[in-house]
PDB file of N, CA and C in Angstrom:
ATOM      1  N   MET A   1      -4.235  22.868 -17.280  1.00  0.00           N
ATOM      2  CA  MET A   1      -4.170  21.841 -16.259  1.00  0.00           C
ATOM      3  C   MET A   1      -3.394  20.650 -16.792  1.00  0.00           C
ATOM      4  N   SER A   2      -2.815  19.911 -15.888  1.00  0.00           N
ATOM      5  CA  SER A   2      -2.127  18.677 -16.246  1.00  0.00           C
ATOM      6  C   SER A   2      -2.230  17.722 -15.073  1.00  0.00           C
ATOM      7  N   ILE A   3      -1.766  16.530 -15.280  1.00  0.00           N
ATOM      8  CA  ILE A   3      -1.768  15.540 -14.206  1.00  0.00           C
ATOM      9  C   ILE A   3      -0.350  15.384 -13.663  1.00  0.00           C
ATOM     10  N   ALA A   4      -0.253  14.918 -12.454  1.00  0.00           N
ATOM     11  CA  ALA A   4       1.041  14.668 -11.828  1.00  0.00           C
ATOM     12  C   ALA A   4       1.082  13.214 -11.374  1.00  0.00           C
ATOM     13  N   PRO A   5       2.211  12.541 -11.548  1.00  0.00           N
ATOM     14  CA  PRO A   5       2.282  11.151 -11.109  1.00  0.00           C
ATOM     15  C   PRO A   5       2.181  11.036  -9.593  1.00  0.00           C
ATOM     16  N   PHE A   6       1.382  10.084  -9.150  1.00  0.00           N
ATOM     17  CA  PHE A   6       1.224   9.780  -7.730  1.00  0.00           C
ATOM     18  C   PHE A   6       2.022   8.530  -7.385  1.00  0.00           C
ATOM     19  N   GLY A   7       2.023   7.564  -8.303  1.00  0.00           N
ATOM     20  CA  GLY A   7       2.725   6.315  -8.088  1.00  0.00           C
ATOM     21  C   GLY A   7       2.321   5.303  -9.134  1.00  0.00           C
ATOM     22  N   VAL A   8       2.719   4.085  -8.909  1.00  0.00           N
ATOM     23  CA  VAL A   8       2.422   2.966  -9.798  1.00  0.00           C
ATOM     24  C   VAL A   8       1.746   1.894  -8.955  1.00  0.00           C
ATOM     25  N   THR A   9       0.705   1.263  -9.507  1.00  0.00           N
ATOM     26  CA  THR A   9       0.026   0.171  -8.817  1.00  0.00           C
ATOM     27  C   THR A   9       0.265  -1.126  -9.578  1.00  0.00           C
ATOM     28  N   ILE A  10       0.580  -2.173  -8.833  1.00  0.00           N
ATOM     29  CA  ILE A  10       0.914  -3.480  -9.407  1.00  0.00           C
ATOM     30  C   ILE A  10      -0.074  -4.511  -8.886  1.00  0.00           C
ATOM     31  N   ASP A  11      -0.571  -5.362  -9.780  1.00  0.00           N
ATOM     32  CA  ASP A  11      -1.462  -6.448  -9.385  1.00  0.00           C
ATOM     33  C   ASP A  11      -0.681  -7.506  -8.615  1.00  0.00           C
ATOM     34  N   ALA A  12      -1.359  -8.167  -7.673  1.00  0.00           N
ATOM     35  CA  ALA A  12      -0.706  -9.170  -6.832  1.00  0.00           C
ATOM     36  C   ALA A  12      -1.737 -10.151  -6.294  1.00  0.00           C
ATOM     37  N   HIS A  13      -1.282 -11.316  -5.882  1.00  0.00           N
ATOM     38  CA  HIS A  13      -2.131 -12.247  -5.132  1.00  0.00           C
ATOM     39  C   HIS A  13      -2.114 -11.869  -3.663  1.00  0.00           C
ATOM     40  N   ASP A  14      -0.928 -11.551  -3.143  1.00  0.00           N
ATOM     41  CA  ASP A  14      -0.772 -11.158  -1.741  1.00  0.00           C
ATOM     42  C   ASP A  14      -0.098  -9.797  -1.721  1.00  0.00           C
ATOM     43  N   ALA A  15      -0.898  -8.748  -1.674  1.00  0.00           N
ATOM     44  CA  ALA A  15      -0.391  -7.376  -1.772  1.00  0.00           C
ATOM     45  C   ALA A  15       0.631  -7.065  -0.687  1.00  0.00           C
ATOM     46  N   ALA A  16       0.372  -7.475   0.546  1.00  0.00           N
ATOM     47  CA  ALA A  16       1.294  -7.165   1.643  1.00  0.00           C
ATOM     48  C   ALA A  16       2.643  -7.846   1.456  1.00  0.00           C
ATOM     49  N   ALA A  17       2.641  -9.085   0.983  1.00  0.00           N
ATOM     50  CA  ALA A  17       3.896  -9.809   0.778  1.00  0.00           C
ATOM     51  C   ALA A  17       4.743  -9.164  -0.312  1.00  0.00           C
ATOM     52  N   VAL A  18       4.114  -8.786  -1.411  1.00  0.00           N
ATOM     53  CA  VAL A  18       4.872  -8.161  -2.501  1.00  0.00           C
ATOM     54  C   VAL A  18       5.336  -6.761  -2.084  1.00  0.00           C
ATOM     55  N   ALA A  19       4.500  -6.026  -1.361  1.00  0.00           N
ATOM     56  CA  ALA A  19       4.911  -4.716  -0.857  1.00  0.00           C
ATOM     57  C   ALA A  19       6.112  -4.853   0.075  1.00  0.00           C
ATOM     58  N   SER A  20       6.128  -5.887   0.896  1.00  0.00           N
ATOM     59  CA  SER A  20       7.248  -6.117   1.801  1.00  0.00           C
ATOM     60  C   SER A  20       8.537  -6.348   1.021  1.00  0.00           C
ATOM     61  N   PHE A  21       8.474  -7.138  -0.060  1.00  0.00           N
ATOM     62  CA  PHE A  21       9.652  -7.350  -0.910  1.00  0.00           C
ATOM     63  C   PHE A  21      10.159  -6.018  -1.454  1.00  0.00           C
ATOM     64  N   TRP A  22       9.252  -5.231  -2.057  1.00  0.00           N
ATOM     65  CA  TRP A  22       9.664  -3.971  -2.685  1.00  0.00           C
ATOM     66  C   TRP A  22      10.134  -2.950  -1.656  1.00  0.00           C
ATOM     67  N   ALA A  23       9.552  -2.929  -0.476  1.00  0.00           N
ATOM     68  CA  ALA A  23      10.025  -2.030   0.574  1.00  0.00           C
ATOM     69  C   ALA A  23      11.468  -2.373   0.935  1.00  0.00           C
ATOM     70  N   GLY A  24      11.760  -3.660   1.069  1.00  0.00           N
ATOM     71  CA  GLY A  24      13.128  -4.085   1.347  1.00  0.00           C
ATOM     72  C   GLY A  24      14.074  -3.763   0.215  1.00  0.00           C
ATOM     73  N   ALA A  25      13.643  -3.990  -1.009  1.00  0.00           N
ATOM     74  CA  ALA A  25      14.494  -3.719  -2.174  1.00  0.00           C
ATOM     75  C   ALA A  25      14.827  -2.236  -2.288  1.00  0.00           C
ATOM     76  N   LEU A  26      13.857  -1.374  -1.985  1.00  0.00           N
ATOM     77  CA  LEU A  26      14.025   0.069  -2.157  1.00  0.00           C
ATOM     78  C   LEU A  26      14.476   0.789  -0.888  1.00  0.00           C
ATOM     79  N   GLY A  27      14.562   0.062   0.225  1.00  0.00           N
ATOM     80  CA  GLY A  27      14.951   0.694   1.480  1.00  0.00           C
ATOM     81  C   GLY A  27      13.896   1.654   1.996  1.00  0.00           C
ATOM     82  N   ARG A  28      12.643   1.297   1.801  1.00  0.00           N
ATOM     83  CA  ARG A  28      11.521   2.126   2.244  1.00  0.00           C
ATOM     84  C   ARG A  28      10.657   1.328   3.212  1.00  0.00           C
ATOM     85  N   SER A  29       9.525   1.923   3.603  1.00  0.00           N
ATOM     86  CA  SER A  29       8.602   1.281   4.533  1.00  0.00           C
ATOM     87  C   SER A  29       7.291   0.933   3.847  1.00  0.00           C
ATOM     88  N   VAL A  30       6.668  -0.133   4.326  1.00  0.00           N
ATOM     89  CA  VAL A  30       5.309  -0.448   3.908  1.00  0.00           C
ATOM     90  C   VAL A  30       4.379   0.483   4.678  1.00  0.00           C
ATOM     91  N   ALA A  31       3.428   1.096   3.982  1.00  0.00           N
ATOM     92  CA  ALA A  31       2.486   2.023   4.619  1.00  0.00           C
ATOM     93  C   ALA A  31       1.598   1.275   5.605  1.00  0.00           C
ATOM     94  N   ASP A  32       1.163   1.962   6.634  1.00  0.00           N
ATOM     95  CA  ASP A  32       0.244   1.385   7.616  1.00  0.00           C
ATOM     96  C   ASP A  32      -1.005   0.857   6.924  1.00  0.00           C
ATOM     97  N   GLY A  33      -1.561  -0.208   7.474  1.00  0.00           N
ATOM     98  CA  GLY A  33      -2.803  -0.765   6.965  1.00  0.00           C
ATOM     99  C   GLY A  33      -2.639  -1.802   5.872  1.00  0.00           C
ATOM    100  N   ALA A  34      -1.420  -2.246   5.611  1.00  0.00           N
ATOM    101  CA  ALA A  34      -1.190  -3.238   4.558  1.00  0.00           C
ATOM    102  C   ALA A  34      -1.937  -4.528   4.870  1.00  0.00           C
ATOM    103  N   SER A  35      -2.507  -5.108   3.832  1.00  0.00           N
ATOM    104  CA  SER A  35      -3.207  -6.389   3.968  1.00  0.00           C
ATOM    105  C   SER A  35      -2.977  -7.202   2.705  1.00  0.00           C
ATOM    106  N   GLU A  36      -3.497  -8.407   2.699  1.00  0.00           N
ATOM    107  CA  GLU A  36      -3.388  -9.271   1.528  1.00  0.00           C
ATOM    108  C   GLU A  36      -4.083  -8.652   0.316  1.00  0.00           C
ATOM    109  N   THR A  37      -5.097  -7.825   0.551  1.00  0.00           N
ATOM    110  CA  THR A  37      -5.862  -7.245  -0.561  1.00  0.00           C
ATOM    111  C   THR A  37      -5.313  -5.927  -1.077  1.00  0.00           C
ATOM    112  N   GLN A  38      -4.682  -5.131  -0.217  1.00  0.00           N
ATOM    113  CA  GLN A  38      -4.056  -3.892  -0.696  1.00  0.00           C
ATOM    114  C   GLN A  38      -2.947  -3.454   0.242  1.00  0.00           C
ATOM    115  N   ALA A  39      -1.909  -2.899  -0.365  1.00  0.00           N
ATOM    116  CA  ALA A  39      -0.757  -2.439   0.404  1.00  0.00           C
ATOM    117  C   ALA A  39      -0.027  -1.400  -0.435  1.00  0.00           C
ATOM    118  N   ALA A  40       0.851  -0.644   0.215  1.00  0.00           N
ATOM    119  CA  ALA A  40       1.644   0.354  -0.503  1.00  0.00           C
ATOM    120  C   ALA A  40       3.012   0.487   0.137  1.00  0.00           C
ATOM    121  N   VAL A  41       3.975   0.839  -0.695  1.00  0.00           N
ATOM    122  CA  VAL A  41       5.300   1.209  -0.231  1.00  0.00           C
ATOM    123  C   VAL A  41       5.337   2.731  -0.233  1.00  0.00           C
ATOM    124  N   GLU A  42       5.733   3.303   0.904  1.00  0.00           N
ATOM    125  CA  GLU A  42       5.776   4.755   1.037  1.00  0.00           C
ATOM    126  C   GLU A  42       6.644   5.370  -0.055  1.00  0.00           C
ATOM    127  N   ALA A  43       6.231   6.533  -0.547  1.00  0.00           N
ATOM    128  CA  ALA A  43       7.011   7.267  -1.537  1.00  0.00           C
ATOM    129  C   ALA A  43       8.283   7.805  -0.906  1.00  0.00           C
ATOM    130  N   ASP A  44       9.300   7.967  -1.709  1.00  0.00           N
ATOM    131  CA  ASP A  44      10.499   8.688  -1.303  1.00  0.00           C
ATOM    132  C   ASP A  44      10.154  10.168  -1.413  1.00  0.00           C
ATOM    133  N   PRO A  45      10.235  10.932  -0.318  1.00  0.00           N
ATOM    134  CA  PRO A  45       9.836  12.341  -0.369  1.00  0.00           C
ATOM    135  C   PRO A  45      10.568  13.153  -1.430  1.00  0.00           C
ATOM    136  N   GLY A  46      11.755  12.734  -1.802  1.00  0.00           N
ATOM    137  CA  GLY A  46      12.524  13.451  -2.809  1.00  0.00           C
ATOM    138  C   GLY A  46      12.224  13.053  -4.241  1.00  0.00           C
ATOM    139  N   ILE A  47      11.328  12.068  -4.418  1.00  0.00           N
ATOM    140  CA  ILE A  47      11.018  11.582  -5.767  1.00  0.00           C
ATOM    141  C   ILE A  47       9.511  11.600  -5.970  1.00  0.00           C
ATOM    142  N   PRO A  48       8.983  12.660  -6.573  1.00  0.00           N
ATOM    143  CA  PRO A  48       7.535  12.716  -6.807  1.00  0.00           C
ATOM    144  C   PRO A  48       7.049  11.510  -7.616  1.00  0.00           C
ATOM    145  N   GLY A  49       5.918  10.966  -7.224  1.00  0.00           N
ATOM    146  CA  GLY A  49       5.335   9.840  -7.944  1.00  0.00           C
ATOM    147  C   GLY A  49       5.957   8.495  -7.638  1.00  0.00           C
ATOM    148  N   SER A  50       6.731   8.402  -6.559  1.00  0.00           N
ATOM    149  CA  SER A  50       7.466   7.160  -6.297  1.00  0.00           C
ATOM    150  C   SER A  50       6.736   6.182  -5.377  1.00  0.00           C
ATOM    151  N   ARG A  51       5.476   6.434  -5.084  1.00  0.00           N
ATOM    152  CA  ARG A  51       4.688   5.497  -4.276  1.00  0.00           C
ATOM    153  C   ARG A  51       4.405   4.250  -5.106  1.00  0.00           C
ATOM    154  N   LEU A  52       4.508   3.080  -4.490  1.00  0.00           N
ATOM    155  CA  LEU A  52       4.147   1.826  -5.153  1.00  0.00           C
ATOM    156  C   LEU A  52       2.939   1.241  -4.440  1.00  0.00           C
ATOM    157  N   GLY A  53       1.886   1.004  -5.179  1.00  0.00           N
ATOM    158  CA  GLY A  53       0.695   0.383  -4.630  1.00  0.00           C
ATOM    159  C   GLY A  53       0.558  -1.042  -5.129  1.00  0.00           C
ATOM    160  N   PHE A  54      -0.109  -1.869  -4.359  1.00  0.00           N
ATOM    161  CA  PHE A  54      -0.329  -3.266  -4.720  1.00  0.00           C
ATOM    162  C   PHE A  54      -1.777  -3.610  -4.425  1.00  0.00           C
ATOM    163  N   ARG A  55      -2.452  -4.196  -5.388  1.00  0.00           N
ATOM    164  CA  ARG A  55      -3.866  -4.577  -5.247  1.00  0.00           C
ATOM    165  C   ARG A  55      -4.015  -6.048  -5.578  1.00  0.00           C
ATOM    166  N   GLN A  56      -4.815  -6.717  -4.777  1.00  0.00           N
ATOM    167  CA  GLN A  56      -5.048  -8.138  -4.999  1.00  0.00           C
ATOM    168  C   GLN A  56      -5.951  -8.346  -6.214  1.00  0.00           C
ATOM    169  N   VAL A  57      -5.559  -9.285  -7.058  1.00  0.00           N
ATOM    170  CA  VAL A  57      -6.363  -9.709  -8.202  1.00  0.00           C
ATOM    171  C   VAL A  57      -6.428 -11.232  -8.191  1.00  0.00           C
ATOM    172  N   PRO A  58      -7.476 -11.822  -8.758  1.00  0.00           N
ATOM    173  CA  PRO A  58      -7.603 -13.280  -8.700  1.00  0.00           C
ATOM    174  C   PRO A  58      -6.753 -14.029  -9.731  1.00  0.00           C
ATOM    175  N   GLU A  59      -6.440 -13.383 -10.851  1.00  0.00           N
ATOM    176  CA  GLU A  59      -5.754 -14.100 -11.923  1.00  0.00           C
ATOM    177  C   GLU A  59      -4.238 -14.129 -11.713  1.00  0.00           C
ATOM    178  N   ASP A  60      -3.602 -15.150 -12.289  1.00  0.00           N
ATOM    179  CA  ASP A  60      -2.152 -15.284 -12.262  1.00  0.00           C
ATOM    180  C   ASP A  60      -1.531 -14.408 -13.343  1.00  0.00           C
ATOM    181  N   LYS A  61      -0.276 -14.051 -13.149  1.00  0.00           N
ATOM    182  CA  LYS A  61       0.484 -13.370 -14.191  1.00  0.00           C
ATOM    183  C   LYS A  61       0.809 -14.418 -15.254  1.00  0.00           C
ATOM    184  N   LYS A  62       0.526 -14.104 -16.520  1.00  0.00           N
ATOM    185  CA  LYS A  62       0.693 -15.113 -17.568  1.00  0.00           C
ATOM    186  C   LYS A  62       1.783 -14.780 -18.580  1.00  0.00           C
ATOM    187  N   VAL A  63       2.051 -13.502 -18.808  1.00  0.00           N
ATOM    188  CA  VAL A  63       3.007 -13.115 -19.849  1.00  0.00           C
ATOM    189  C   VAL A  63       3.975 -12.069 -19.307  1.00  0.00           C
ATOM    190  N   LYS A  64       4.974 -11.754 -20.113  1.00  0.00           N
ATOM    191  CA  LYS A  64       5.957 -10.731 -19.758  1.00  0.00           C
ATOM    192  C   LYS A  64       5.270  -9.397 -19.509  1.00  0.00           C
ATOM    193  N   ASN A  65       5.789  -8.653 -18.528  1.00  0.00           N
ATOM    194  CA  ASN A  65       5.273  -7.311 -18.259  1.00  0.00           C
ATOM    195  C   ASN A  65       5.425  -6.435 -19.496  1.00  0.00           C
ATOM    196  N   ARG A  66       4.472  -5.554 -19.722  1.00  0.00           N
ATOM    197  CA  ARG A  66       4.601  -4.566 -20.798  1.00  0.00           C
ATOM    198  C   ARG A  66       5.346  -3.336 -20.315  1.00  0.00           C
ATOM    199  N   MET A  67       5.484  -3.199 -19.026  1.00  0.00           N
ATOM    200  CA  MET A  67       6.242  -2.118 -18.416  1.00  0.00           C
ATOM    201  C   MET A  67       7.033  -2.722 -17.266  1.00  0.00           C
ATOM    202  N   HIS A  68       8.255  -2.233 -17.068  1.00  0.00           N
ATOM    203  CA  HIS A  68       9.031  -2.720 -15.930  1.00  0.00           C
ATOM    204  C   HIS A  68       9.942  -1.615 -15.418  1.00  0.00           C
ATOM    205  N   PHE A  69      10.425  -1.798 -14.189  1.00  0.00           N
ATOM    206  CA  PHE A  69      11.356  -0.851 -13.585  1.00  0.00           C
ATOM    207  C   PHE A  69      12.778  -1.179 -14.023  1.00  0.00           C
ATOM    208  N   ASP A  70      13.590  -0.142 -14.189  1.00  0.00           N
ATOM    209  CA  ASP A  70      15.034  -0.262 -14.399  1.00  0.00           C
ATOM    210  C   ASP A  70      15.714   0.430 -13.224  1.00  0.00           C
ATOM    211  N   PHE A  71      16.630  -0.272 -12.581  1.00  0.00           N
ATOM    212  CA  PHE A  71      17.382   0.274 -11.458  1.00  0.00           C
ATOM    213  C   PHE A  71      18.867   0.195 -11.789  1.00  0.00           C
ATOM    214  N   VAL A  72      19.648   1.066 -11.231  1.00  0.00           N
ATOM    215  CA  VAL A  72      21.094   1.048 -11.443  1.00  0.00           C
ATOM    216  C   VAL A  72      21.782   0.964 -10.085  1.00  0.00           C
ATOM    217  N   ASN A  73      22.892   0.217 -10.043  1.00  0.00           N
ATOM    218  CA  ASN A  73      23.643   0.073  -8.801  1.00  0.00           C
ATOM    219  C   ASN A  73      25.115  -0.106  -9.151  1.00  0.00           C
ATOM    220  N   PRO A  74      26.022   0.601  -8.459  1.00  0.00           N
ATOM    221  CA  PRO A  74      27.440   0.472  -8.774  1.00  0.00           C
ATOM    222  C   PRO A  74      28.050  -0.864  -8.346  1.00  0.00           C
ATOM    223  N   ASP A  75      27.458  -1.544  -7.375  1.00  0.00           N
ATOM    224  CA  ASP A  75      27.964  -2.850  -6.939  1.00  0.00           C
ATOM    225  C   ASP A  75      26.992  -3.922  -7.420  1.00  0.00           C
ATOM    226  N   PHE A  76      27.019  -4.153  -8.710  1.00  0.00           N
ATOM    227  CA  PHE A  76      26.060  -5.007  -9.412  1.00  0.00           C
ATOM    228  C   PHE A  76      25.921  -6.395  -8.781  1.00  0.00           C
ATOM    229  N   ASP A  77      27.043  -7.088  -8.603  1.00  0.00           N
ATOM    230  CA  ASP A  77      26.980  -8.457  -8.076  1.00  0.00           C
ATOM    231  C   ASP A  77      26.411  -8.501  -6.655  1.00  0.00           C
ATOM    232  N   ALA A  78      26.831  -7.574  -5.817  1.00  0.00           N
ATOM    233  CA  ALA A  78      26.312  -7.535  -4.450  1.00  0.00           C
ATOM    234  C   ALA A  78      24.824  -7.214  -4.443  1.00  0.00           C
ATOM    235  N   GLU A  79      24.387  -6.336  -5.346  1.00  0.00           N
ATOM    236  CA  GLU A  79      22.965  -5.982  -5.395  1.00  0.00           C
ATOM    237  C   GLU A  79      22.125  -7.169  -5.871  1.00  0.00           C
ATOM    238  N   LEU A  80      22.609  -7.909  -6.856  1.00  0.00           N
ATOM    239  CA  LEU A  80      21.878  -9.116  -7.287  1.00  0.00           C
ATOM    240  C   LEU A  80      21.762 -10.112  -6.143  1.00  0.00           C
ATOM    241  N   GLU A  81      22.826 -10.276  -5.391  1.00  0.00           N
ATOM    242  CA  GLU A  81      22.792 -11.196  -4.245  1.00  0.00           C
ATOM    243  C   GLU A  81      21.794 -10.713  -3.188  1.00  0.00           C
ATOM    244  N   ARG A  82      21.785  -9.406  -2.932  1.00  0.00           N
ATOM    245  CA  ARG A  82      20.865  -8.850  -1.935  1.00  0.00           C
ATOM    246  C   ARG A  82      19.418  -9.041  -2.373  1.00  0.00           C
ATOM    247  N   LEU A  83      19.123  -8.753  -3.641  1.00  0.00           N
ATOM    248  CA  LEU A  83      17.747  -8.861  -4.138  1.00  0.00           C
ATOM    249  C   LEU A  83      17.270 -10.309  -4.175  1.00  0.00           C
ATOM    250  N   THR A  84      18.130 -11.230  -4.583  1.00  0.00           N
ATOM    251  CA  THR A  84      17.713 -12.636  -4.572  1.00  0.00           C
ATOM    252  C   THR A  84      17.541 -13.120  -3.135  1.00  0.00           C
ATOM    253  N   GLY A  85      18.323 -12.576  -2.209  1.00  0.00           N
ATOM    254  CA  GLY A  85      18.147 -12.900  -0.794  1.00  0.00           C
ATOM    255  C   GLY A  85      16.807 -12.417  -0.248  1.00  0.00           C
ATOM    256  N   LEU A  86      16.275 -11.333  -0.843  1.00  0.00           N
ATOM    257  CA  LEU A  86      14.957 -10.822  -0.443  1.00  0.00           C
ATOM    258  C   LEU A  86      13.805 -11.613  -1.075  1.00  0.00           C
ATOM    259  N   GLY A  87      14.124 -12.443  -2.093  1.00  0.00           N
ATOM    260  CA  GLY A  87      13.086 -13.251  -2.730  1.00  0.00           C
ATOM    261  C   GLY A  87      12.967 -13.090  -4.227  1.00  0.00           C
ATOM    262  N   ALA A  88      13.812 -12.259  -4.846  1.00  0.00           N
ATOM    263  CA  ALA A  88      13.782 -12.113  -6.308  1.00  0.00           C
ATOM    264  C   ALA A  88      14.373 -13.355  -6.968  1.00  0.00           C
ATOM    265  N   THR A  89      13.996 -13.576  -8.214  1.00  0.00           N
ATOM    266  CA  THR A  89      14.545 -14.653  -9.024  1.00  0.00           C
ATOM    267  C   THR A  89      15.272 -14.039 -10.210  1.00  0.00           C
ATOM    268  N   LYS A  90      16.502 -14.460 -10.440  1.00  0.00           N
ATOM    269  CA  LYS A  90      17.258 -13.964 -11.595  1.00  0.00           C
ATOM    270  C   LYS A  90      16.791 -14.720 -12.832  1.00  0.00           C
ATOM    271  N   LEU A  91      16.328 -13.982 -13.848  1.00  0.00           N
ATOM    272  CA  LEU A  91      15.810 -14.590 -15.069  1.00  0.00           C
ATOM    273  C   LEU A  91      16.838 -14.620 -16.192  1.00  0.00           C
ATOM    274  N   ALA A  92      17.648 -13.573 -16.302  1.00  0.00           N
ATOM    275  CA  ALA A  92      18.627 -13.480 -17.388  1.00  0.00           C
ATOM    276  C   ALA A  92      19.658 -12.431 -17.041  1.00  0.00           C
ATOM    277  N   GLU A  93      20.815 -12.527 -17.707  1.00  0.00           N
ATOM    278  CA  GLU A  93      21.857 -11.512 -17.569  1.00  0.00           C
ATOM    279  C   GLU A  93      22.473 -11.281 -18.930  1.00  0.00           C
ATOM    280  N   ALA A  94      22.797 -10.028 -19.237  1.00  0.00           N
ATOM    281  CA  ALA A  94      23.363  -9.682 -20.535  1.00  0.00           C
ATOM    282  C   ALA A  94      24.422  -8.610 -20.364  1.00  0.00           C
ATOM    283  N   ASN A  95      25.230  -8.444 -21.408  1.00  0.00           N
ATOM    284  CA  ASN A  95      26.275  -7.431 -21.400  1.00  0.00           C
ATOM    285  C   ASN A  95      26.430  -6.845 -22.806  1.00  0.00           C
ATOM    286  N   PRO A  96      25.379  -6.175 -23.327  1.00  0.00           N
ATOM    287  CA  PRO A  96      25.443  -5.619 -24.686  1.00  0.00           C
ATOM    288  C   PRO A  96      25.995  -4.185 -24.690  1.00  0.00           C
ATOM    289  N   GLY A  97      27.199  -3.983 -24.191  1.00  0.00           N
ATOM    290  CA  GLY A  97      27.740  -2.645 -24.068  1.00  0.00           C
ATOM    291  C   GLY A  97      27.565  -2.098 -22.666  1.00  0.00           C
ATOM    292  N   PHE A  98      26.609  -2.645 -21.942  1.00  0.00           N
ATOM    293  CA  PHE A  98      26.452  -2.379 -20.508  1.00  0.00           C
ATOM    294  C   PHE A  98      25.864  -3.638 -19.894  1.00  0.00           C
ATOM    295  N   ARG A  99      26.223  -3.902 -18.674  1.00  0.00           N
ATOM    296  CA  ARG A  99      25.803  -5.135 -18.002  1.00  0.00           C
ATOM    297  C   ARG A  99      24.490  -4.912 -17.265  1.00  0.00           C
ATOM    298  N   TYR A 100      23.568  -5.834 -17.457  1.00  0.00           N
ATOM    299  CA  TYR A 100      22.307  -5.765 -16.715  1.00  0.00           C
ATOM    300  C   TYR A 100      21.751  -7.168 -16.523  1.00  0.00           C
ATOM    301  N   ALA A 101      20.849  -7.284 -15.570  1.00  0.00           N
ATOM    302  CA  ALA A 101      20.169  -8.553 -15.306  1.00  0.00           C
ATOM    303  C   ALA A 101      18.684  -8.283 -15.177  1.00  0.00           C
ATOM    304  N   THR A 102      17.897  -9.230 -15.659  1.00  0.00           N
ATOM    305  CA  THR A 102      16.450  -9.192 -15.489  1.00  0.00           C
ATOM    306  C   THR A 102      16.111 -10.127 -14.345  1.00  0.00           C
ATOM    307  N   LEU A 103      15.353  -9.598 -13.389  1.00  0.00           N
ATOM    308  CA  LEU A 103      14.917 -10.374 -12.235  1.00  0.00           C
ATOM    309  C   LEU A 103      13.397 -10.332 -12.173  1.00  0.00           C
ATOM    310  N   ALA A 104      12.839 -11.160 -11.306  1.00  0.00           N
ATOM    311  CA  ALA A 104      11.396 -11.154 -11.058  1.00  0.00           C
ATOM    312  C   ALA A 104      11.183 -11.085  -9.552  1.00  0.00           C
ATOM    313  N   ASP A 105      10.172 -10.303  -9.153  1.00  0.00           N
ATOM    314  CA  ASP A 105       9.826 -10.246  -7.728  1.00  0.00           C
ATOM    315  C   ASP A 105       9.144 -11.558  -7.336  1.00  0.00           C
ATOM    316  N   PRO A 106       8.772 -11.753  -6.083  1.00  0.00           N
ATOM    317  CA  PRO A 106       8.193 -13.037  -5.664  1.00  0.00           C
ATOM    318  C   PRO A 106       6.919 -13.459  -6.402  1.00  0.00           C
ATOM    319  N   GLU A 107       6.236 -12.532  -7.082  1.00  0.00           N
ATOM    320  CA  GLU A 107       5.046 -12.908  -7.854  1.00  0.00           C
ATOM    321  C   GLU A 107       5.289 -12.871  -9.359  1.00  0.00           C
ATOM    322  N   GLY A 108       6.555 -12.740  -9.769  1.00  0.00           N
ATOM    323  CA  GLY A 108       6.902 -12.853 -11.181  1.00  0.00           C
ATOM    324  C   GLY A 108       6.966 -11.556 -11.964  1.00  0.00           C
ATOM    325  N   ASN A 109       6.802 -10.404 -11.321  1.00  0.00           N
ATOM    326  CA  ASN A 109       6.902  -9.121 -12.026  1.00  0.00           C
ATOM    327  C   ASN A 109       8.354  -8.805 -12.318  1.00  0.00           C
ATOM    328  N   GLU A 110       8.680  -8.622 -13.614  1.00  0.00           N
ATOM    329  CA  GLU A 110      10.069  -8.413 -14.020  1.00  0.00           C
ATOM    330  C   GLU A 110      10.561  -7.004 -13.724  1.00  0.00           C
ATOM    331  N   PHE A 111      11.865  -6.901 -13.470  1.00  0.00           N
ATOM    332  CA  PHE A 111      12.558  -5.620 -13.358  1.00  0.00           C
ATOM    333  C   PHE A 111      14.016  -5.848 -13.711  1.00  0.00           C
ATOM    334  N   ASP A 112      14.711  -4.789 -14.103  1.00  0.00           N
ATOM    335  CA  ASP A 112      16.116  -4.887 -14.488  1.00  0.00           C
ATOM    336  C   ASP A 112      16.997  -4.157 -13.496  1.00  0.00           C
ATOM    337  N   VAL A 113      18.185  -4.704 -13.291  1.00  0.00           N
ATOM    338  CA  VAL A 113      19.237  -4.050 -12.522  1.00  0.00           C
ATOM    339  C   VAL A 113      20.398  -3.850 -13.478  1.00  0.00           C
ATOM    340  N   ILE A 114      20.868  -2.611 -13.567  1.00  0.00           N
ATOM    341  CA  ILE A 114      21.934  -2.229 -14.482  1.00  0.00           C
ATOM    342  C   ILE A 114      23.185  -1.924 -13.677  1.00  0.00           C
ATOM    343  N   ALA A 115      24.322  -2.432 -14.154  1.00  0.00           N
ATOM    344  CA  ALA A 115      25.598  -2.121 -13.506  1.00  0.00           C
ATOM    345  C   ALA A 115      25.938  -0.668 -13.792  1.00  0.00           C
ATOM    346  N   GLY A 116      26.257   0.084 -12.769  1.00  0.00           N
ATOM    347  CA  GLY A 116      26.574   1.490 -13.000  1.00  0.00           C
ATOM    348  C   GLY A 116      27.118   2.059 -11.791  1.00  0.00           C
TER     349      GLY A 116
END
């Protein structure tokens, strides 16, 4: 026997708001029943384990994430503009042999966008 990934769950103050950001970023839908306390972004049927869940927690995010998403996009500058338009904040940009930027979602969860 083994386990199979179902998805990833992220802590949030407002689960529905953060799910809405990620649904827009990923071009997916927020699952029915979303609320401030729990919400989910529907999985991509072609990507097992791609469901994103969000659960309300009382504490603030205090330190850098120990895990983060990496995304790649061929139109790097346009994608950064689109994501910041959805509510992301650009934290840093680097070009150490490949260009990437670190962003944060509306509640401060970091993720990277790689030029590709």
